[in-house]
Amino acid sequence: MAVHVTLDDANLQAFISATGTETVMYVADGVNYGIHQEFGTVRQGYAQPFMRPATEHMRAGWEAAFKNQLTDVQVRAVVAKNAFGTEGIAKVLAPKDTVALANSIHVTEDKP
């Protein structure tokens, strides 16, 4: 499952165009039912979100990091720190009845 999180990234886009740096990392799970856990289904009746709360938990540090002018190396470090932080939190928040889901959450630089 890949959850696309959209942020108000006007400042980030301005920074990217100023430095020419673009670093992309994905946090995804490797099971086909992760999206159903995240958003719920008609039959399930409830959701057990784990990716969105993990992303929100990391948001403050993300926004604080980009208030300063960063070098290309620092941008990569911030993106990696946030991606791996999100991964760790998502693994903790993933429903415990699906151990395979938590074990499949990973960070990659290639599209999941």
N, C-alpha and C. Protein backbone atom coordinates (compact mmCIF):
# COMPACT_ATOMS: atom_id res chain seq x y z
N MET A 1 0.84 -1.17 0.00
CA MET A 1 0.00 0.00 0.00
C MET A 1 0.89 1.23 0.00
N ALA A 2 0.56 2.15 -0.81
CA ALA A 2 1.25 3.42 -0.81
C ALA A 2 0.21 4.50 -0.51
N VAL A 3 0.45 5.29 0.49
CA VAL A 3 -0.43 6.39 0.83
C VAL A 3 0.27 7.65 0.38
N HIS A 4 -0.37 8.40 -0.49
CA HIS A 4 0.21 9.65 -0.97
C HIS A 4 -0.26 10.75 -0.04
N VAL A 5 0.67 11.36 0.64
CA VAL A 5 0.35 12.43 1.58
C VAL A 5 0.69 13.75 0.94
N THR A 6 -0.28 14.63 0.83
CA THR A 6 -0.06 15.93 0.24
C THR A 6 0.05 16.97 1.34
N LEU A 7 1.11 17.70 1.31
CA LEU A 7 1.33 18.76 2.28
C LEU A 7 1.30 20.10 1.57
N ASP A 8 1.10 21.16 2.32
CA ASP A 8 1.25 22.49 1.75
C ASP A 8 2.74 22.71 1.61
N ASP A 9 3.24 22.42 0.45
CA ASP A 9 4.69 22.39 0.27
C ASP A 9 5.21 23.54 -0.59
N ALA A 10 4.57 24.68 -0.55
CA ALA A 10 5.02 25.82 -1.36
C ALA A 10 6.44 26.23 -0.99
N ASN A 11 6.73 26.28 0.31
CA ASN A 11 8.09 26.64 0.74
C ASN A 11 9.09 25.58 0.31
N LEU A 12 8.70 24.31 0.42
CA LEU A 12 9.59 23.23 -0.01
C LEU A 12 9.85 23.31 -1.50
N GLN A 13 8.82 23.56 -2.30
CA GLN A 13 9.00 23.66 -3.75
C GLN A 13 9.90 24.84 -4.11
N ALA A 14 9.76 25.94 -3.42
CA ALA A 14 10.62 27.10 -3.66
C ALA A 14 12.07 26.75 -3.31
N PHE A 15 12.24 26.01 -2.22
CA PHE A 15 13.57 25.60 -1.82
C PHE A 15 14.20 24.67 -2.85
N ILE A 16 13.41 23.71 -3.33
CA ILE A 16 13.91 22.76 -4.33
C ILE A 16 14.33 23.49 -5.59
N SER A 17 13.51 24.45 -6.04
CA SER A 17 13.87 25.16 -7.26
C SER A 17 15.10 26.06 -7.03
N ALA A 18 15.30 26.51 -5.79
CA ALA A 18 16.46 27.35 -5.50
C ALA A 18 17.75 26.54 -5.44
N THR A 19 17.67 25.32 -4.93
CA THR A 19 18.89 24.51 -4.78
C THR A 19 19.07 23.50 -5.89
N GLY A 20 17.99 23.15 -6.57
CA GLY A 20 18.08 22.12 -7.60
C GLY A 20 18.05 20.72 -7.04
N THR A 21 17.85 20.57 -5.74
CA THR A 21 17.85 19.27 -5.10
C THR A 21 16.45 18.70 -5.05
N GLU A 22 16.34 17.43 -5.41
CA GLU A 22 15.07 16.73 -5.23
C GLU A 22 15.40 15.34 -4.71
N THR A 23 14.95 15.04 -3.53
CA THR A 23 15.16 13.74 -2.92
C THR A 23 13.81 13.14 -2.63
N VAL A 24 13.59 11.92 -3.11
CA VAL A 24 12.30 11.26 -2.92
C VAL A 24 12.54 9.92 -2.24
N MET A 25 11.79 9.67 -1.18
CA MET A 25 11.79 8.38 -0.51
C MET A 25 10.34 8.01 -0.26
N TYR A 26 10.06 6.73 -0.32
CA TYR A 26 8.72 6.23 -0.11
C TYR A 26 8.68 5.38 1.14
N VAL A 27 7.60 5.53 1.90
CA VAL A 27 7.33 4.64 3.03
C VAL A 27 6.08 3.86 2.62
N ALA A 28 6.21 2.55 2.53
CA ALA A 28 5.10 1.73 2.05
C ALA A 28 5.07 0.42 2.80
N ASP A 29 3.96 -0.28 2.65
CA ASP A 29 3.92 -1.64 3.19
C ASP A 29 3.91 -2.62 2.01
N GLY A 30 4.22 -3.84 2.30
CA GLY A 30 4.34 -4.84 1.24
C GLY A 30 3.19 -5.83 1.20
N VAL A 31 2.06 -5.46 1.77
CA VAL A 31 0.91 -6.36 1.73
C VAL A 31 -0.23 -5.68 0.98
N ASN A 32 -1.10 -6.48 0.41
CA ASN A 32 -2.17 -5.91 -0.41
C ASN A 32 -3.37 -5.44 0.41
N TYR A 33 -3.41 -5.70 1.70
CA TYR A 33 -4.56 -5.29 2.51
C TYR A 33 -4.26 -4.09 3.41
N GLY A 34 -3.08 -3.53 3.31
CA GLY A 34 -2.72 -2.39 4.15
C GLY A 34 -3.65 -1.21 3.98
N ILE A 35 -4.04 -0.95 2.76
CA ILE A 35 -4.94 0.18 2.51
C ILE A 35 -6.29 -0.03 3.17
N HIS A 36 -6.72 -1.28 3.27
CA HIS A 36 -8.00 -1.57 3.93
C HIS A 36 -7.90 -1.36 5.44
N GLN A 37 -6.72 -1.64 6.00
CA GLN A 37 -6.51 -1.36 7.42
C GLN A 37 -6.47 0.14 7.67
N GLU A 38 -5.83 0.86 6.76
CA GLU A 38 -5.67 2.31 6.92
C GLU A 38 -7.00 3.05 6.84
N PHE A 39 -7.83 2.69 5.87
CA PHE A 39 -9.07 3.44 5.62
C PHE A 39 -10.34 2.69 5.99
N GLY A 40 -10.25 1.41 6.29
CA GLY A 40 -11.43 0.61 6.58
C GLY A 40 -12.14 0.19 5.31
N THR A 41 -13.13 -0.64 5.47
CA THR A 41 -13.93 -1.10 4.33
C THR A 41 -15.40 -1.06 4.73
N VAL A 42 -16.28 -1.29 3.77
CA VAL A 42 -17.71 -1.33 4.06
C VAL A 42 -18.01 -2.47 5.03
N ARG A 43 -17.35 -3.60 4.84
CA ARG A 43 -17.60 -4.76 5.70
C ARG A 43 -16.89 -4.66 7.05
N GLN A 44 -15.73 -4.03 7.05
CA GLN A 44 -14.96 -3.92 8.28
C GLN A 44 -15.62 -2.96 9.25
N GLY A 45 -16.15 -1.87 8.74
CA GLY A 45 -16.87 -0.92 9.57
C GLY A 45 -16.00 0.06 10.35
N TYR A 46 -14.73 -0.14 10.39
CA TYR A 46 -13.84 0.78 11.11
C TYR A 46 -12.47 0.74 10.44
N ALA A 47 -11.74 1.79 10.65
CA ALA A 47 -10.37 1.87 10.12
C ALA A 47 -9.38 1.73 11.27
N GLN A 48 -8.18 1.28 10.94
CA GLN A 48 -7.09 1.20 11.90
C GLN A 48 -5.89 1.91 11.28
N PRO A 49 -5.97 3.25 11.19
CA PRO A 49 -4.90 3.99 10.51
C PRO A 49 -3.56 3.85 11.23
N PHE A 50 -2.51 3.76 10.43
CA PHE A 50 -1.16 3.67 10.97
C PHE A 50 -0.20 4.55 10.18
N MET A 51 -0.40 4.71 8.88
CA MET A 51 0.50 5.54 8.06
C MET A 51 0.23 7.02 8.26
N ARG A 52 -1.02 7.41 8.20
CA ARG A 52 -1.35 8.83 8.35
C ARG A 52 -0.94 9.37 9.72
N PRO A 53 -1.24 8.67 10.82
CA PRO A 53 -0.78 9.18 12.13
C PRO A 53 0.75 9.24 12.22
N ALA A 54 1.42 8.28 11.62
CA ALA A 54 2.89 8.29 11.64
C ALA A 54 3.42 9.51 10.89
N THR A 55 2.82 9.81 9.76
CA THR A 55 3.23 10.97 8.96
C THR A 55 2.97 12.26 9.74
N GLU A 56 1.82 12.35 10.36
CA GLU A 56 1.48 13.56 11.13
C GLU A 56 2.43 13.73 12.31
N HIS A 57 2.84 12.64 12.93
CA HIS A 57 3.76 12.72 14.05
C HIS A 57 5.10 13.32 13.63
N MET A 58 5.53 13.03 12.41
CA MET A 58 6.82 13.51 11.91
C MET A 58 6.75 14.92 11.31
N ARG A 59 5.55 15.44 11.09
CA ARG A 59 5.37 16.72 10.38
C ARG A 59 6.10 17.89 11.04
N ALA A 60 6.03 18.02 12.35
CA ALA A 60 6.63 19.18 13.03
C ALA A 60 8.14 19.25 12.78
N GLY A 61 8.82 18.14 12.89
CA GLY A 61 10.25 18.12 12.63
C GLY A 61 10.58 18.43 11.18
N TRP A 62 9.74 17.95 10.30
CA TRP A 62 9.89 18.19 8.85
C TRP A 62 9.79 19.68 8.57
N GLU A 63 8.74 20.30 9.07
CA GLU A 63 8.54 21.72 8.82
C GLU A 63 9.64 22.57 9.46
N ALA A 64 10.07 22.19 10.65
CA ALA A 64 11.13 22.94 11.32
C ALA A 64 12.45 22.86 10.55
N ALA A 65 12.74 21.70 9.98
CA ALA A 65 14.00 21.51 9.26
C ALA A 65 14.08 22.40 8.04
N PHE A 66 12.96 22.61 7.36
CA PHE A 66 12.99 23.37 6.12
C PHE A 66 12.79 24.87 6.31
N LYS A 67 12.81 25.33 7.56
CA LYS A 67 12.77 26.77 7.81
C LYS A 67 14.14 27.39 7.56
N ASN A 68 15.17 26.57 7.56
CA ASN A 68 16.54 27.03 7.34
C ASN A 68 16.99 26.67 5.93
N GLN A 69 18.01 27.34 5.47
CA GLN A 69 18.60 27.00 4.17
C GLN A 69 19.47 25.77 4.37
N LEU A 70 19.23 24.73 3.62
CA LEU A 70 19.95 23.49 3.78
C LEU A 70 20.78 23.17 2.54
N THR A 71 21.86 22.47 2.74
CA THR A 71 22.65 21.99 1.61
C THR A 71 21.99 20.73 1.05
N ASP A 72 22.46 20.28 -0.09
CA ASP A 72 21.90 19.08 -0.70
C ASP A 72 22.04 17.87 0.23
N VAL A 73 23.17 17.77 0.89
CA VAL A 73 23.42 16.66 1.81
C VAL A 73 22.45 16.73 3.00
N GLN A 74 22.22 17.93 3.49
CA GLN A 74 21.29 18.10 4.61
C GLN A 74 19.86 17.78 4.20
N VAL A 75 19.48 18.15 2.99
CA VAL A 75 18.13 17.83 2.49
C VAL A 75 17.95 16.31 2.50
N ARG A 76 18.93 15.62 1.95
CA ARG A 76 18.85 14.15 1.90
C ARG A 76 18.74 13.58 3.31
N ALA A 77 19.49 14.11 4.25
CA ALA A 77 19.46 13.63 5.63
C ALA A 77 18.09 13.88 6.27
N VAL A 78 17.50 15.04 6.02
CA VAL A 78 16.18 15.35 6.59
C VAL A 78 15.12 14.43 6.00
N VAL A 79 15.16 14.22 4.70
CA VAL A 79 14.18 13.34 4.06
C VAL A 79 14.33 11.92 4.60
N ALA A 80 15.56 11.43 4.71
CA ALA A 80 15.79 10.08 5.22
C ALA A 80 15.34 9.96 6.67
N LYS A 81 15.67 10.95 7.49
CA LYS A 81 15.27 10.90 8.91
C LYS A 81 13.76 10.83 9.04
N ASN A 82 13.06 11.63 8.26
CA ASN A 82 11.61 11.63 8.33
C ASN A 82 11.01 10.35 7.77
N ALA A 83 11.57 9.83 6.69
CA ALA A 83 11.06 8.58 6.12
C ALA A 83 11.23 7.43 7.10
N PHE A 84 12.43 7.30 7.68
CA PHE A 84 12.67 6.20 8.61
C PHE A 84 11.93 6.40 9.93
N GLY A 85 11.74 7.64 10.33
CA GLY A 85 10.92 7.92 11.52
C GLY A 85 9.47 7.53 11.29
N THR A 86 8.95 7.87 10.12
CA THR A 86 7.58 7.49 9.77
C THR A 86 7.45 5.97 9.73
N GLU A 87 8.45 5.31 9.15
CA GLU A 87 8.44 3.84 9.10
C GLU A 87 8.35 3.25 10.51
N GLY A 88 9.17 3.72 11.41
CA GLY A 88 9.19 3.18 12.77
C GLY A 88 7.87 3.38 13.49
N ILE A 89 7.30 4.56 13.37
CA ILE A 89 6.03 4.85 14.03
C ILE A 89 4.91 4.03 13.42
N ALA A 90 4.89 3.91 12.08
CA ALA A 90 3.86 3.12 11.41
C ALA A 90 3.93 1.66 11.85
N LYS A 91 5.13 1.13 12.05
CA LYS A 91 5.26 -0.25 12.52
C LYS A 91 4.67 -0.43 13.91
N VAL A 92 4.85 0.57 14.76
CA VAL A 92 4.27 0.51 16.10
C VAL A 92 2.75 0.63 16.05
N LEU A 93 2.24 1.48 15.19
CA LEU A 93 0.80 1.73 15.11
C LEU A 93 0.04 0.71 14.28
N ALA A 94 0.73 -0.09 13.48
CA ALA A 94 0.06 -1.07 12.63
C ALA A 94 -0.74 -2.04 13.50
N PRO A 95 -1.91 -2.44 13.05
CA PRO A 95 -2.73 -3.38 13.84
C PRO A 95 -1.93 -4.63 14.21
N LYS A 96 -2.01 -5.04 15.46
CA LYS A 96 -1.20 -6.16 15.96
C LYS A 96 -1.69 -7.51 15.45
N ASP A 97 -2.96 -7.57 15.01
CA ASP A 97 -3.47 -8.85 14.53
C ASP A 97 -2.93 -9.19 13.14
N THR A 98 -2.22 -8.26 12.54
CA THR A 98 -1.63 -8.50 11.22
C THR A 98 -0.13 -8.25 11.30
N VAL A 99 0.59 -9.20 11.88
CA VAL A 99 2.03 -9.05 12.08
C VAL A 99 2.74 -8.87 10.74
N ALA A 100 2.23 -9.52 9.70
CA ALA A 100 2.85 -9.40 8.38
C ALA A 100 2.81 -7.95 7.89
N LEU A 101 1.75 -7.23 8.22
CA LEU A 101 1.63 -5.84 7.82
C LEU A 101 2.76 -5.01 8.44
N ALA A 102 2.93 -5.09 9.74
CA ALA A 102 3.97 -4.31 10.42
C ALA A 102 5.35 -4.70 9.90
N ASN A 103 5.57 -5.98 9.69
CA ASN A 103 6.87 -6.44 9.21
C ASN A 103 7.16 -6.01 7.77
N SER A 104 6.11 -5.69 7.02
CA SER A 104 6.31 -5.35 5.61
C SER A 104 6.53 -3.85 5.38
N ILE A 105 6.33 -3.03 6.38
CA ILE A 105 6.50 -1.58 6.21
C ILE A 105 7.98 -1.27 6.03
N HIS A 106 8.28 -0.50 4.98
CA HIS A 106 9.67 -0.25 4.64
C HIS A 106 9.84 1.08 3.92
N VAL A 107 11.06 1.56 3.88
CA VAL A 107 11.42 2.77 3.17
C VAL A 107 12.20 2.37 1.92
N THR A 108 11.89 3.02 0.82
CA THR A 108 12.62 2.76 -0.42
C THR A 108 12.75 4.05 -1.20
N GLU A 109 13.72 4.12 -2.07
CA GLU A 109 13.86 5.27 -2.94
C GLU A 109 13.21 5.01 -4.30
N ASP A 110 12.87 3.76 -4.54
CA ASP A 110 12.15 3.39 -5.77
C ASP A 110 10.68 3.34 -5.45
N LYS A 111 9.84 3.57 -6.45
CA LYS A 111 8.41 3.49 -6.20
C LYS A 111 8.07 2.09 -5.70
N PRO A 112 7.20 2.04 -4.67
CA PRO A 112 6.84 0.73 -4.09
C PRO A 112 6.06 -0.13 -5.06
